[in-house]
Amino acid sequence: MSHSITVLKSKLHNARVTHALKDYEGSVALSPELIKLGKFSMHEQVHLWNITQGTRLITYVMEYEGNEEGIICVNGAAAHKANPGDRIILATFAEINSQESKDWKPLIVIMNKNNTQKG
């Protein structure tokens, strides 16, 4: 019997927060190359798991409006749960048919301290 399940779509593992702005509407702003690297969509729900602090939260992706690369800016109330330098995991999920799950391969990108792909 086929049914819908939620699976890990993609994640950036061991990335680092570069900015935290408490006086801002909630979201996580990523530089364009990180959005592309993680195959994230604008306004897509994203889980932010803070390895450093042991906290978890859910927000959405938006594009960082500067020219710098490697930017992960946690905004609004979420900024109380992440500080610059914190190691984090950004994860997104997808709904798929259970029949597809045995062949499903999420995108997992291991990051280095400069917020670029390790390796």
PDB file of N, CA and C in Angstrom:
ATOM      1  N   MET A   1       0.840  -1.185   0.000  1.00  0.00           N
ATOM      2  CA  MET A   1       0.000   0.000   0.000  1.00  0.00           C
ATOM      3  C   MET A   1       0.884   1.247   0.000  1.00  0.00           C
ATOM      4  N   SER A   2       0.641   2.098  -0.915  1.00  0.00           N
ATOM      5  CA  SER A   2       1.410   3.317  -1.083  1.00  0.00           C
ATOM      6  C   SER A   2       0.821   4.452  -0.250  1.00  0.00           C
ATOM      7  N   HIS A   3       1.699   5.266   0.341  1.00  0.00           N
ATOM      8  CA  HIS A   3       1.263   6.445   1.069  1.00  0.00           C
ATOM      9  C   HIS A   3       2.369   7.499   1.009  1.00  0.00           C
ATOM     10  N   SER A   4       2.075   8.681   1.455  1.00  0.00           N
ATOM     11  CA  SER A   4       3.021   9.784   1.426  1.00  0.00           C
ATOM     12  C   SER A   4       3.856   9.789   2.710  1.00  0.00           C
ATOM     13  N   ILE A   5       5.167  10.019   2.563  1.00  0.00           N
ATOM     14  CA  ILE A   5       6.033  10.138   3.730  1.00  0.00           C
ATOM     15  C   ILE A   5       6.906  11.386   3.581  1.00  0.00           C
ATOM     16  N   THR A   6       7.400  11.875   4.695  1.00  0.00           N
ATOM     17  CA  THR A   6       8.298  13.021   4.709  1.00  0.00           C
ATOM     18  C   THR A   6       9.727  12.518   4.845  1.00  0.00           C
ATOM     19  N   VAL A   7      10.594  12.954   3.932  1.00  0.00           N
ATOM     20  CA  VAL A   7      11.993  12.530   3.940  1.00  0.00           C
ATOM     21  C   VAL A   7      12.904  13.752   3.931  1.00  0.00           C
ATOM     22  N   LEU A   8      14.135  13.553   4.383  1.00  0.00           N
ATOM     23  CA  LEU A   8      15.143  14.598   4.288  1.00  0.00           C
ATOM     24  C   LEU A   8      15.391  14.902   2.818  1.00  0.00           C
ATOM     25  N   LYS A   9      15.255  16.157   2.426  1.00  0.00           N
ATOM     26  CA  LYS A   9      15.525  16.566   1.046  1.00  0.00           C
ATOM     27  C   LYS A   9      16.987  16.971   0.892  1.00  0.00           C
ATOM     28  N   SER A  10      17.435  17.895   1.766  1.00  0.00           N
ATOM     29  CA  SER A  10      18.812  18.366   1.680  1.00  0.00           C
ATOM     30  C   SER A  10      19.235  18.959   3.010  1.00  0.00           C
ATOM     31  N   LYS A  11      20.558  18.979   3.217  1.00  0.00           N
ATOM     32  CA  LYS A  11      21.056  19.638   4.420  1.00  0.00           C
ATOM     33  C   LYS A  11      22.468  20.137   4.215  1.00  0.00           C
ATOM     34  N   LEU A  12      22.737  21.262   4.874  1.00  0.00           N
ATOM     35  CA  LEU A  12      24.089  21.780   5.003  1.00  0.00           C
ATOM     36  C   LEU A  12      24.504  21.450   6.428  1.00  0.00           C
ATOM     37  N   HIS A  13      25.490  20.575   6.560  1.00  0.00           N
ATOM     38  CA  HIS A  13      25.897  20.050   7.864  1.00  0.00           C
ATOM     39  C   HIS A  13      27.182  20.725   8.324  1.00  0.00           C
ATOM     40  N   ASN A  14      27.185  21.201   9.560  1.00  0.00           N
ATOM     41  CA  ASN A  14      28.355  21.805  10.197  1.00  0.00           C
ATOM     42  C   ASN A  14      28.680  23.195   9.629  1.00  0.00           C
ATOM     43  N   ALA A  15      27.644  23.907   9.158  1.00  0.00           N
ATOM     44  CA  ALA A  15      27.825  25.289   8.714  1.00  0.00           C
ATOM     45  C   ALA A  15      27.984  26.180   9.942  1.00  0.00           C
ATOM     46  N   ARG A  16      28.347  27.416   9.714  1.00  0.00           N
ATOM     47  CA  ARG A  16      28.534  28.357  10.830  1.00  0.00           C
ATOM     48  C   ARG A  16      27.684  29.608  10.636  1.00  0.00           C
ATOM     49  N   VAL A  17      27.034  30.024  11.710  1.00  0.00           N
ATOM     50  CA  VAL A  17      26.271  31.273  11.714  1.00  0.00           C
ATOM     51  C   VAL A  17      27.273  32.423  11.599  1.00  0.00           C
ATOM     52  N   THR A  18      26.987  33.364  10.701  1.00  0.00           N
ATOM     53  CA  THR A  18      27.863  34.522  10.546  1.00  0.00           C
ATOM     54  C   THR A  18      27.280  35.787  11.176  1.00  0.00           C
ATOM     55  N   HIS A  19      25.948  35.874  11.230  1.00  0.00           N
ATOM     56  CA  HIS A  19      25.269  37.044  11.785  1.00  0.00           C
ATOM     57  C   HIS A  19      24.010  36.595  12.522  1.00  0.00           C
ATOM     58  N   ALA A  20      23.608  37.397  13.514  1.00  0.00           N
ATOM     59  CA  ALA A  20      22.340  37.177  14.214  1.00  0.00           C
ATOM     60  C   ALA A  20      21.729  38.546  14.492  1.00  0.00           C
ATOM     61  N   LEU A  21      20.592  38.816  13.875  1.00  0.00           N
ATOM     62  CA  LEU A  21      19.921  40.120  14.006  1.00  0.00           C
ATOM     63  C   LEU A  21      18.572  39.939  14.686  1.00  0.00           C
ATOM     64  N   LYS A  22      18.495  40.313  15.952  1.00  0.00           N
ATOM     65  CA  LYS A  22      17.261  40.117  16.715  1.00  0.00           C
ATOM     66  C   LYS A  22      16.159  41.075  16.292  1.00  0.00           C
ATOM     67  N   ASP A  23      16.505  42.278  15.882  1.00  0.00           N
ATOM     68  CA  ASP A  23      15.504  43.276  15.484  1.00  0.00           C
ATOM     69  C   ASP A  23      15.226  43.181  13.989  1.00  0.00           C
ATOM     70  N   TYR A  24      14.670  42.058  13.566  1.00  0.00           N
ATOM     71  CA  TYR A  24      14.392  41.813  12.160  1.00  0.00           C
ATOM     72  C   TYR A  24      13.260  40.816  12.092  1.00  0.00           C
ATOM     73  N   GLU A  25      12.514  40.819  10.986  1.00  0.00           N
ATOM     74  CA  GLU A  25      11.483  39.804  10.799  1.00  0.00           C
ATOM     75  C   GLU A  25      12.154  38.430  10.753  1.00  0.00           C
ATOM     76  N   GLY A  26      11.492  37.429  11.268  1.00  0.00           N
ATOM     77  CA  GLY A  26      12.086  36.100  11.379  1.00  0.00           C
ATOM     78  C   GLY A  26      12.408  35.434  10.061  1.00  0.00           C
ATOM     79  N   SER A  27      13.533  34.759  10.015  1.00  0.00           N
ATOM     80  CA  SER A  27      13.970  33.988   8.861  1.00  0.00           C
ATOM     81  C   SER A  27      15.443  33.649   9.043  1.00  0.00           C
ATOM     82  N   VAL A  28      15.973  32.910   8.096  1.00  0.00           N
ATOM     83  CA  VAL A  28      17.413  32.754   7.999  1.00  0.00           C
ATOM     84  C   VAL A  28      17.807  33.201   6.598  1.00  0.00           C
ATOM     85  N   ALA A  29      18.656  34.223   6.522  1.00  0.00           N
ATOM     86  CA  ALA A  29      19.103  34.765   5.246  1.00  0.00           C
ATOM     87  C   ALA A  29      20.415  34.094   4.859  1.00  0.00           C
ATOM     88  N   LEU A  30      20.427  33.534   3.649  1.00  0.00           N
ATOM     89  CA  LEU A  30      21.611  32.825   3.149  1.00  0.00           C
ATOM     90  C   LEU A  30      22.139  33.529   1.910  1.00  0.00           C
ATOM     91  N   SER A  31      23.460  33.559   1.767  1.00  0.00           N
ATOM     92  CA  SER A  31      24.022  34.096   0.537  1.00  0.00           C
ATOM     93  C   SER A  31      23.634  33.169  -0.617  1.00  0.00           C
ATOM     94  N   PRO A  32      23.514  33.730  -1.830  1.00  0.00           N
ATOM     95  CA  PRO A  32      22.979  32.967  -2.960  1.00  0.00           C
ATOM     96  C   PRO A  32      23.673  31.634  -3.228  1.00  0.00           C
ATOM     97  N   GLU A  33      24.989  31.576  -3.058  1.00  0.00           N
ATOM     98  CA  GLU A  33      25.677  30.307  -3.351  1.00  0.00           C
ATOM     99  C   GLU A  33      25.324  29.220  -2.353  1.00  0.00           C
ATOM    100  N   LEU A  34      24.959  29.598  -1.112  1.00  0.00           N
ATOM    101  CA  LEU A  34      24.526  28.594  -0.133  1.00  0.00           C
ATOM    102  C   LEU A  34      23.119  28.104  -0.449  1.00  0.00           C
ATOM    103  N   ILE A  35      22.258  28.989  -0.932  1.00  0.00           N
ATOM    104  CA  ILE A  35      20.916  28.569  -1.357  1.00  0.00           C
ATOM    105  C   ILE A  35      21.046  27.546  -2.484  1.00  0.00           C
ATOM    106  N   LYS A  36      21.910  27.837  -3.426  1.00  0.00           N
ATOM    107  CA  LYS A  36      22.124  26.923  -4.553  1.00  0.00           C
ATOM    108  C   LYS A  36      22.766  25.616  -4.092  1.00  0.00           C
ATOM    109  N   LEU A  37      23.777  25.704  -3.239  1.00  0.00           N
ATOM    110  CA  LEU A  37      24.483  24.518  -2.753  1.00  0.00           C
ATOM    111  C   LEU A  37      23.536  23.557  -2.035  1.00  0.00           C
ATOM    112  N   GLY A  38      22.638  24.105  -1.209  1.00  0.00           N
ATOM    113  CA  GLY A  38      21.691  23.277  -0.468  1.00  0.00           C
ATOM    114  C   GLY A  38      20.436  22.931  -1.241  1.00  0.00           C
ATOM    115  N   LYS A  39      20.325  23.437  -2.467  1.00  0.00           N
ATOM    116  CA  LYS A  39      19.125  23.263  -3.291  1.00  0.00           C
ATOM    117  C   LYS A  39      17.871  23.706  -2.541  1.00  0.00           C
ATOM    118  N   PHE A  40      18.011  24.829  -1.826  1.00  0.00           N
ATOM    119  CA  PHE A  40      16.896  25.414  -1.100  1.00  0.00           C
ATOM    120  C   PHE A  40      16.101  26.314  -2.040  1.00  0.00           C
ATOM    121  N   SER A  41      14.839  26.497  -1.735  1.00  0.00           N
ATOM    122  CA  SER A  41      13.985  27.422  -2.469  1.00  0.00           C
ATOM    123  C   SER A  41      13.699  28.620  -1.580  1.00  0.00           C
ATOM    124  N   MET A  42      13.476  29.761  -2.211  1.00  0.00           N
ATOM    125  CA  MET A  42      13.114  30.948  -1.453  1.00  0.00           C
ATOM    126  C   MET A  42      11.822  30.681  -0.674  1.00  0.00           C
ATOM    127  N   HIS A  43      11.804  31.098   0.560  1.00  0.00           N
ATOM    128  CA  HIS A  43      10.660  30.983   1.463  1.00  0.00           C
ATOM    129  C   HIS A  43      10.362  29.535   1.875  1.00  0.00           C
ATOM    130  N   GLU A  44      11.250  28.624   1.523  1.00  0.00           N
ATOM    131  CA  GLU A  44      11.074  27.223   1.910  1.00  0.00           C
ATOM    132  C   GLU A  44      11.295  27.069   3.418  1.00  0.00           C
ATOM    133  N   GLN A  45      10.480  26.241   4.025  1.00  0.00           N
ATOM    134  CA  GLN A  45      10.667  25.930   5.438  1.00  0.00           C
ATOM    135  C   GLN A  45      12.010  25.234   5.616  1.00  0.00           C
ATOM    136  N   VAL A  46      12.750  25.655   6.639  1.00  0.00           N
ATOM    137  CA  VAL A  46      14.044  25.050   6.934  1.00  0.00           C
ATOM    138  C   VAL A  46      14.166  24.847   8.443  1.00  0.00           C
ATOM    139  N   HIS A  47      14.704  23.699   8.803  1.00  0.00           N
ATOM    140  CA  HIS A  47      15.007  23.419  10.201  1.00  0.00           C
ATOM    141  C   HIS A  47      16.431  23.882  10.463  1.00  0.00           C
ATOM    142  N   LEU A  48      16.636  24.561  11.569  1.00  0.00           N
ATOM    143  CA  LEU A  48      17.962  24.993  11.982  1.00  0.00           C
ATOM    144  C   LEU A  48      18.268  24.289  13.292  1.00  0.00           C
ATOM    145  N   TRP A  49      19.218  23.370  13.234  1.00  0.00           N
ATOM    146  CA  TRP A  49      19.626  22.612  14.420  1.00  0.00           C
ATOM    147  C   TRP A  49      20.980  23.139  14.847  1.00  0.00           C
ATOM    148  N   ASN A  50      21.032  23.694  16.054  1.00  0.00           N
ATOM    149  CA  ASN A  50      22.248  24.323  16.546  1.00  0.00           C
ATOM    150  C   ASN A  50      23.096  23.283  17.266  1.00  0.00           C
ATOM    151  N   ILE A  51      24.186  22.886  16.650  1.00  0.00           N
ATOM    152  CA  ILE A  51      25.098  21.892  17.227  1.00  0.00           C
ATOM    153  C   ILE A  51      25.758  22.459  18.485  1.00  0.00           C
ATOM    154  N   THR A  52      26.123  23.728  18.454  1.00  0.00           N
ATOM    155  CA  THR A  52      26.820  24.368  19.570  1.00  0.00           C
ATOM    156  C   THR A  52      25.934  24.468  20.809  1.00  0.00           C
ATOM    157  N   GLN A  53      24.692  24.920  20.635  1.00  0.00           N
ATOM    158  CA  GLN A  53      23.805  25.173  21.777  1.00  0.00           C
ATOM    159  C   GLN A  53      22.832  24.039  22.070  1.00  0.00           C
ATOM    160  N   GLY A  54      22.655  23.133  21.116  1.00  0.00           N
ATOM    161  CA  GLY A  54      21.713  22.032  21.321  1.00  0.00           C
ATOM    162  C   GLY A  54      20.265  22.433  21.154  1.00  0.00           C
ATOM    163  N   THR A  55      20.011  23.512  20.419  1.00  0.00           N
ATOM    164  CA  THR A  55      18.638  23.973  20.192  1.00  0.00           C
ATOM    165  C   THR A  55      18.199  23.646  18.769  1.00  0.00           C
ATOM    166  N   ARG A  56      16.885  23.661  18.575  1.00  0.00           N
ATOM    167  CA  ARG A  56      16.299  23.419  17.254  1.00  0.00           C
ATOM    168  C   ARG A  56      15.186  24.425  17.037  1.00  0.00           C
ATOM    169  N   LEU A  57      15.051  24.861  15.785  1.00  0.00           N
ATOM    170  CA  LEU A  57      13.958  25.761  15.458  1.00  0.00           C
ATOM    171  C   LEU A  57      13.612  25.585  13.988  1.00  0.00           C
ATOM    172  N   ILE A  58      12.441  26.093  13.631  1.00  0.00           N
ATOM    173  CA  ILE A  58      11.970  26.049  12.250  1.00  0.00           C
ATOM    174  C   ILE A  58      11.726  27.484  11.801  1.00  0.00           C
ATOM    175  N   THR A  59      12.233  27.811  10.623  1.00  0.00           N
ATOM    176  CA  THR A  59      12.026  29.127  10.038  1.00  0.00           C
ATOM    177  C   THR A  59      11.924  28.952   8.528  1.00  0.00           C
ATOM    178  N   TYR A  60      12.272  29.972   7.769  1.00  0.00           N
ATOM    179  CA  TYR A  60      12.219  29.865   6.316  1.00  0.00           C
ATOM    180  C   TYR A  60      13.447  30.533   5.705  1.00  0.00           C
ATOM    181  N   VAL A  61      13.738  30.179   4.467  1.00  0.00           N
ATOM    182  CA  VAL A  61      14.913  30.673   3.751  1.00  0.00           C
ATOM    183  C   VAL A  61      14.586  31.968   3.013  1.00  0.00           C
ATOM    184  N   MET A  62      15.485  32.917   3.124  1.00  0.00           N
ATOM    185  CA  MET A  62      15.444  34.104   2.285  1.00  0.00           C
ATOM    186  C   MET A  62      16.861  34.407   1.829  1.00  0.00           C
ATOM    187  N   GLU A  63      16.990  35.201   0.785  1.00  0.00           N
ATOM    188  CA  GLU A  63      18.309  35.502   0.246  1.00  0.00           C
ATOM    189  C   GLU A  63      18.933  36.691   0.972  1.00  0.00           C
ATOM    190  N   TYR A  64      20.181  36.536   1.358  1.00  0.00           N
ATOM    191  CA  TYR A  64      20.947  37.626   1.955  1.00  0.00           C
ATOM    192  C   TYR A  64      21.163  38.705   0.902  1.00  0.00           C
ATOM    193  N   GLU A  65      21.004  39.963   1.299  1.00  0.00           N
ATOM    194  CA  GLU A  65      21.025  41.058   0.336  1.00  0.00           C
ATOM    195  C   GLU A  65      22.382  41.714   0.149  1.00  0.00           C
ATOM    196  N   GLY A  66      23.438  41.125   0.643  1.00  0.00           N
ATOM    197  CA  GLY A  66      24.773  41.685   0.440  1.00  0.00           C
ATOM    198  C   GLY A  66      25.534  40.915  -0.620  1.00  0.00           C
ATOM    199  N   ASN A  67      26.787  41.299  -0.832  1.00  0.00           N
ATOM    200  CA  ASN A  67      27.631  40.661  -1.840  1.00  0.00           C
ATOM    201  C   ASN A  67      28.557  39.592  -1.269  1.00  0.00           C
ATOM    202  N   GLU A  68      28.626  39.484   0.043  1.00  0.00           N
ATOM    203  CA  GLU A  68      29.532  38.515   0.649  1.00  0.00           C
ATOM    204  C   GLU A  68      29.051  37.090   0.409  1.00  0.00           C
ATOM    205  N   GLU A  69      29.982  36.165   0.390  1.00  0.00           N
ATOM    206  CA  GLU A  69      29.651  34.745   0.275  1.00  0.00           C
ATOM    207  C   GLU A  69      29.752  34.089   1.647  1.00  0.00           C
ATOM    208  N   GLY A  70      29.102  32.940   1.783  1.00  0.00           N
ATOM    209  CA  GLY A  70      29.174  32.176   3.026  1.00  0.00           C
ATOM    210  C   GLY A  70      28.369  32.754   4.171  1.00  0.00           C
ATOM    211  N   ILE A  71      27.393  33.598   3.866  1.00  0.00           N
ATOM    212  CA  ILE A  71      26.616  34.274   4.908  1.00  0.00           C
ATOM    213  C   ILE A  71      25.437  33.417   5.348  1.00  0.00           C
ATOM    214  N   ILE A  72      25.324  33.244   6.651  1.00  0.00           N
ATOM    215  CA  ILE A  72      24.159  32.639   7.289  1.00  0.00           C
ATOM    216  C   ILE A  72      23.756  33.599   8.398  1.00  0.00           C
ATOM    217  N   CYS A  73      22.688  34.354   8.152  1.00  0.00           N
ATOM    218  CA  CYS A  73      22.227  35.370   9.081  1.00  0.00           C
ATOM    219  C   CYS A  73      20.884  34.934   9.673  1.00  0.00           C
ATOM    220  N   VAL A  74      20.887  34.644  10.954  1.00  0.00           N
ATOM    221  CA  VAL A  74      19.672  34.220  11.655  1.00  0.00           C
ATOM    222  C   VAL A  74      18.979  35.477  12.171  1.00  0.00           C
ATOM    223  N   ASN A  75      17.702  35.615  11.852  1.00  0.00           N
ATOM    224  CA  ASN A  75      16.971  36.854  12.117  1.00  0.00           C
ATOM    225  C   ASN A  75      15.814  36.670  13.088  1.00  0.00           C
ATOM    226  N   GLY A  76      15.402  37.794  13.677  1.00  0.00           N
ATOM    227  CA  GLY A  76      14.221  37.836  14.522  1.00  0.00           C
ATOM    228  C   GLY A  76      14.360  36.988  15.773  1.00  0.00           C
ATOM    229  N   ALA A  77      13.251  36.406  16.200  1.00  0.00           N
ATOM    230  CA  ALA A  77      13.241  35.601  17.423  1.00  0.00           C
ATOM    231  C   ALA A  77      14.238  34.444  17.353  1.00  0.00           C
ATOM    232  N   ALA A  78      14.457  33.912  16.159  1.00  0.00           N
ATOM    233  CA  ALA A  78      15.411  32.807  15.993  1.00  0.00           C
ATOM    234  C   ALA A  78      16.822  33.222  16.383  1.00  0.00           C
ATOM    235  N   ALA A  79      17.129  34.518  16.290  1.00  0.00           N
ATOM    236  CA  ALA A  79      18.469  35.005  16.635  1.00  0.00           C
ATOM    237  C   ALA A  79      18.780  34.842  18.121  1.00  0.00           C
ATOM    238  N   HIS A  80      17.754  34.588  18.935  1.00  0.00           N
ATOM    239  CA  HIS A  80      17.992  34.303  20.352  1.00  0.00           C
ATOM    240  C   HIS A  80      18.530  32.883  20.542  1.00  0.00           C
ATOM    241  N   LYS A  81      18.430  32.067  19.493  1.00  0.00           N
ATOM    242  CA  LYS A  81      18.844  30.662  19.559  1.00  0.00           C
ATOM    243  C   LYS A  81      20.109  30.370  18.757  1.00  0.00           C
ATOM    244  N   ALA A  82      20.749  31.415  18.212  1.00  0.00           N
ATOM    245  CA  ALA A  82      21.951  31.211  17.407  1.00  0.00           C
ATOM    246  C   ALA A  82      22.831  32.451  17.484  1.00  0.00           C
ATOM    247  N   ASN A  83      24.108  32.235  17.689  1.00  0.00           N
ATOM    248  CA  ASN A  83      25.077  33.313  17.752  1.00  0.00           C
ATOM    249  C   ASN A  83      26.111  33.148  16.648  1.00  0.00           C
ATOM    250  N   PRO A  84      26.690  34.261  16.193  1.00  0.00           N
ATOM    251  CA  PRO A  84      27.778  34.125  15.222  1.00  0.00           C
ATOM    252  C   PRO A  84      28.844  33.153  15.741  1.00  0.00           C
ATOM    253  N   GLY A  85      29.263  32.256  14.865  1.00  0.00           N
ATOM    254  CA  GLY A  85      30.242  31.237  15.225  1.00  0.00           C
ATOM    255  C   GLY A  85      29.635  29.904  15.600  1.00  0.00           C
ATOM    256  N   ASP A  86      28.333  29.876  15.936  1.00  0.00           N
ATOM    257  CA  ASP A  86      27.687  28.601  16.273  1.00  0.00           C
ATOM    258  C   ASP A  86      27.704  27.676  15.061  1.00  0.00           C
ATOM    259  N   ARG A  87      27.990  26.411  15.316  1.00  0.00           N
ATOM    260  CA  ARG A  87      27.907  25.387  14.275  1.00  0.00           C
ATOM    261  C   ARG A  87      26.463  24.914  14.190  1.00  0.00           C
ATOM    262  N   ILE A  88      25.944  24.823  12.958  1.00  0.00           N
ATOM    263  CA  ILE A  88      24.537  24.465  12.758  1.00  0.00           C
ATOM    264  C   ILE A  88      24.368  23.468  11.621  1.00  0.00           C
ATOM    265  N   ILE A  89      23.175  22.905  11.565  1.00  0.00           N
ATOM    266  CA  ILE A  89      22.711  22.108  10.437  1.00  0.00           C
ATOM    267  C   ILE A  89      21.451  22.788   9.917  1.00  0.00           C
ATOM    268  N   LEU A  90      21.394  23.035   8.613  1.00  0.00           N
ATOM    269  CA  LEU A  90      20.190  23.539   7.959  1.00  0.00           C
ATOM    270  C   LEU A  90      19.611  22.389   7.156  1.00  0.00           C
ATOM    271  N   ALA A  91      18.363  22.015   7.426  1.00  0.00           N
ATOM    272  CA  ALA A  91      17.765  20.851   6.774  1.00  0.00           C
ATOM    273  C   ALA A  91      16.385  21.178   6.224  1.00  0.00           C
ATOM    274  N   THR A  92      16.117  20.650   5.021  1.00  0.00           N
ATOM    275  CA  THR A  92      14.798  20.760   4.413  1.00  0.00           C
ATOM    276  C   THR A  92      14.268  19.359   4.137  1.00  0.00           C
ATOM    277  N   PHE A  93      12.956  19.279   3.985  1.00  0.00           N
ATOM    278  CA  PHE A  93      12.287  17.992   3.828  1.00  0.00           C
ATOM    279  C   PHE A  93      11.357  18.025   2.628  1.00  0.00           C
ATOM    280  N   ALA A  94      10.986  16.842   2.138  1.00  0.00           N
ATOM    281  CA  ALA A  94      10.082  16.723   0.995  1.00  0.00           C
ATOM    282  C   ALA A  94       9.080  15.613   1.265  1.00  0.00           C
ATOM    283  N   GLU A  95       7.908  15.752   0.688  1.00  0.00           N
ATOM    284  CA  GLU A  95       6.887  14.706   0.729  1.00  0.00           C
ATOM    285  C   GLU A  95       7.044  13.847  -0.514  1.00  0.00           C
ATOM    286  N   ILE A  96       7.197  12.548  -0.342  1.00  0.00           N
ATOM    287  CA  ILE A  96       7.297  11.650  -1.490  1.00  0.00           C
ATOM    288  C   ILE A  96       6.383  10.449  -1.263  1.00  0.00           C
ATOM    289  N   ASN A  97       6.145   9.726  -2.315  1.00  0.00           N
ATOM    290  CA  ASN A  97       5.378   8.493  -2.237  1.00  0.00           C
ATOM    291  C   ASN A  97       6.246   7.438  -1.558  1.00  0.00           C
ATOM    292  N   SER A  98       5.687   6.671  -0.655  1.00  0.00           N
ATOM    293  CA  SER A  98       6.463   5.665   0.084  1.00  0.00           C
ATOM    294  C   SER A  98       7.163   4.676  -0.838  1.00  0.00           C
ATOM    295  N   GLN A  99       6.607   4.443  -2.020  1.00  0.00           N
ATOM    296  CA  GLN A  99       7.233   3.535  -2.984  1.00  0.00           C
ATOM    297  C   GLN A  99       8.580   4.070  -3.467  1.00  0.00           C
ATOM    298  N   GLU A 100       8.738   5.393  -3.455  1.00  0.00           N
ATOM    299  CA  GLU A 100       9.982   6.018  -3.904  1.00  0.00           C
ATOM    300  C   GLU A 100      11.064   6.025  -2.829  1.00  0.00           C
ATOM    301  N   SER A 101      10.708   5.753  -1.596  1.00  0.00           N
ATOM    302  CA  SER A 101      11.633   5.950  -0.473  1.00  0.00           C
ATOM    303  C   SER A 101      12.853   5.040  -0.514  1.00  0.00           C
ATOM    304  N   LYS A 102      12.726   3.829  -1.048  1.00  0.00           N
ATOM    305  CA  LYS A 102      13.877   2.911  -1.049  1.00  0.00           C
ATOM    306  C   LYS A 102      14.993   3.408  -1.958  1.00  0.00           C
ATOM    307  N   ASP A 103      14.663   4.245  -2.950  1.00  0.00           N
ATOM    308  CA  ASP A 103      15.670   4.780  -3.861  1.00  0.00           C
ATOM    309  C   ASP A 103      16.008   6.249  -3.578  1.00  0.00           C
ATOM    310  N   TRP A 104      15.417   6.818  -2.538  1.00  0.00           N
ATOM    311  CA  TRP A 104      15.593   8.238  -2.234  1.00  0.00           C
ATOM    312  C   TRP A 104      16.998   8.491  -1.707  1.00  0.00           C
ATOM    313  N   LYS A 105      17.633   9.527  -2.219  1.00  0.00           N
ATOM    314  CA  LYS A 105      18.956   9.947  -1.759  1.00  0.00           C
ATOM    315  C   LYS A 105      18.916  11.438  -1.468  1.00  0.00           C
ATOM    316  N   PRO A 106      18.972  11.826  -0.197  1.00  0.00           N
ATOM    317  CA  PRO A 106      18.991  13.254   0.108  1.00  0.00           C
ATOM    318  C   PRO A 106      20.336  13.864  -0.257  1.00  0.00           C
ATOM    319  N   LEU A 107      20.341  15.165  -0.457  1.00  0.00           N
ATOM    320  CA  LEU A 107      21.577  15.897  -0.683  1.00  0.00           C
ATOM    321  C   LEU A 107      22.148  16.266   0.683  1.00  0.00           C
ATOM    322  N   ILE A 108      23.324  15.781   0.982  1.00  0.00           N
ATOM    323  CA  ILE A 108      23.994  16.088   2.247  1.00  0.00           C
ATOM    324  C   ILE A 108      25.332  16.730   1.915  1.00  0.00           C
ATOM    325  N   VAL A 109      25.484  17.996   2.324  1.00  0.00           N
ATOM    326  CA  VAL A 109      26.701  18.743   2.058  1.00  0.00           C
ATOM    327  C   VAL A 109      27.391  19.014   3.388  1.00  0.00           C
ATOM    328  N   ILE A 110      28.607  18.517   3.533  1.00  0.00           N
ATOM    329  CA  ILE A 110      29.408  18.763   4.734  1.00  0.00           C
ATOM    330  C   ILE A 110      30.181  20.056   4.505  1.00  0.00           C
ATOM    331  N   MET A 111      30.033  20.977   5.425  1.00  0.00           N
ATOM    332  CA  MET A 111      30.624  22.301   5.286  1.00  0.00           C
ATOM    333  C   MET A 111      31.918  22.416   6.087  1.00  0.00           C
ATOM    334  N   ASN A 112      32.762  23.377   5.692  1.00  0.00           N
ATOM    335  CA  ASN A 112      33.946  23.663   6.492  1.00  0.00           C
ATOM    336  C   ASN A 112      33.735  24.965   7.261  1.00  0.00           C
ATOM    337  N   LYS A 113      34.725  25.404   8.008  1.00  0.00           N
ATOM    338  CA  LYS A 113      34.556  26.585   8.877  1.00  0.00           C
ATOM    339  C   LYS A 113      34.329  27.879   8.102  1.00  0.00           C
ATOM    340  N   ASN A 114      34.597  27.883   6.797  1.00  0.00           N
ATOM    341  CA  ASN A 114      34.385  29.063   5.960  1.00  0.00           C
ATOM    342  C   ASN A 114      33.037  29.032   5.234  1.00  0.00           C
ATOM    343  N   ASN A 115      32.173  28.113   5.599  1.00  0.00           N
ATOM    344  CA  ASN A 115      30.854  27.946   4.967  1.00  0.00           C
ATOM    345  C   ASN A 115      30.971  27.659   3.473  1.00  0.00           C
ATOM    346  N   THR A 116      31.941  26.851   3.126  1.00  0.00           N
ATOM    347  CA  THR A 116      32.050  26.292   1.785  1.00  0.00           C
ATOM    348  C   THR A 116      32.068  24.779   1.936  1.00  0.00           C
ATOM    349  N   GLN A 117      31.813  24.095   0.846  1.00  0.00           N
ATOM    350  CA  GLN A 117      31.755  22.636   0.901  1.00  0.00           C
ATOM    351  C   GLN A 117      33.114  22.063   1.255  1.00  0.00           C
ATOM    352  N   LYS A 118      33.115  21.155   2.228  1.00  0.00           N
ATOM    353  CA  LYS A 118      34.353  20.506   2.669  1.00  0.00           C
ATOM    354  C   LYS A 118      34.828  19.556   1.584  1.00  0.00           C
ATOM    355  N   GLY A 119      36.114  19.488   1.435  1.00  0.00           N
ATOM    356  CA  GLY A 119      36.675  18.518   0.497  1.00  0.00           C
ATOM    357  C   GLY A 119      37.125  19.123  -0.706  1.00  0.00           C
TER     358      GLY A 119
END
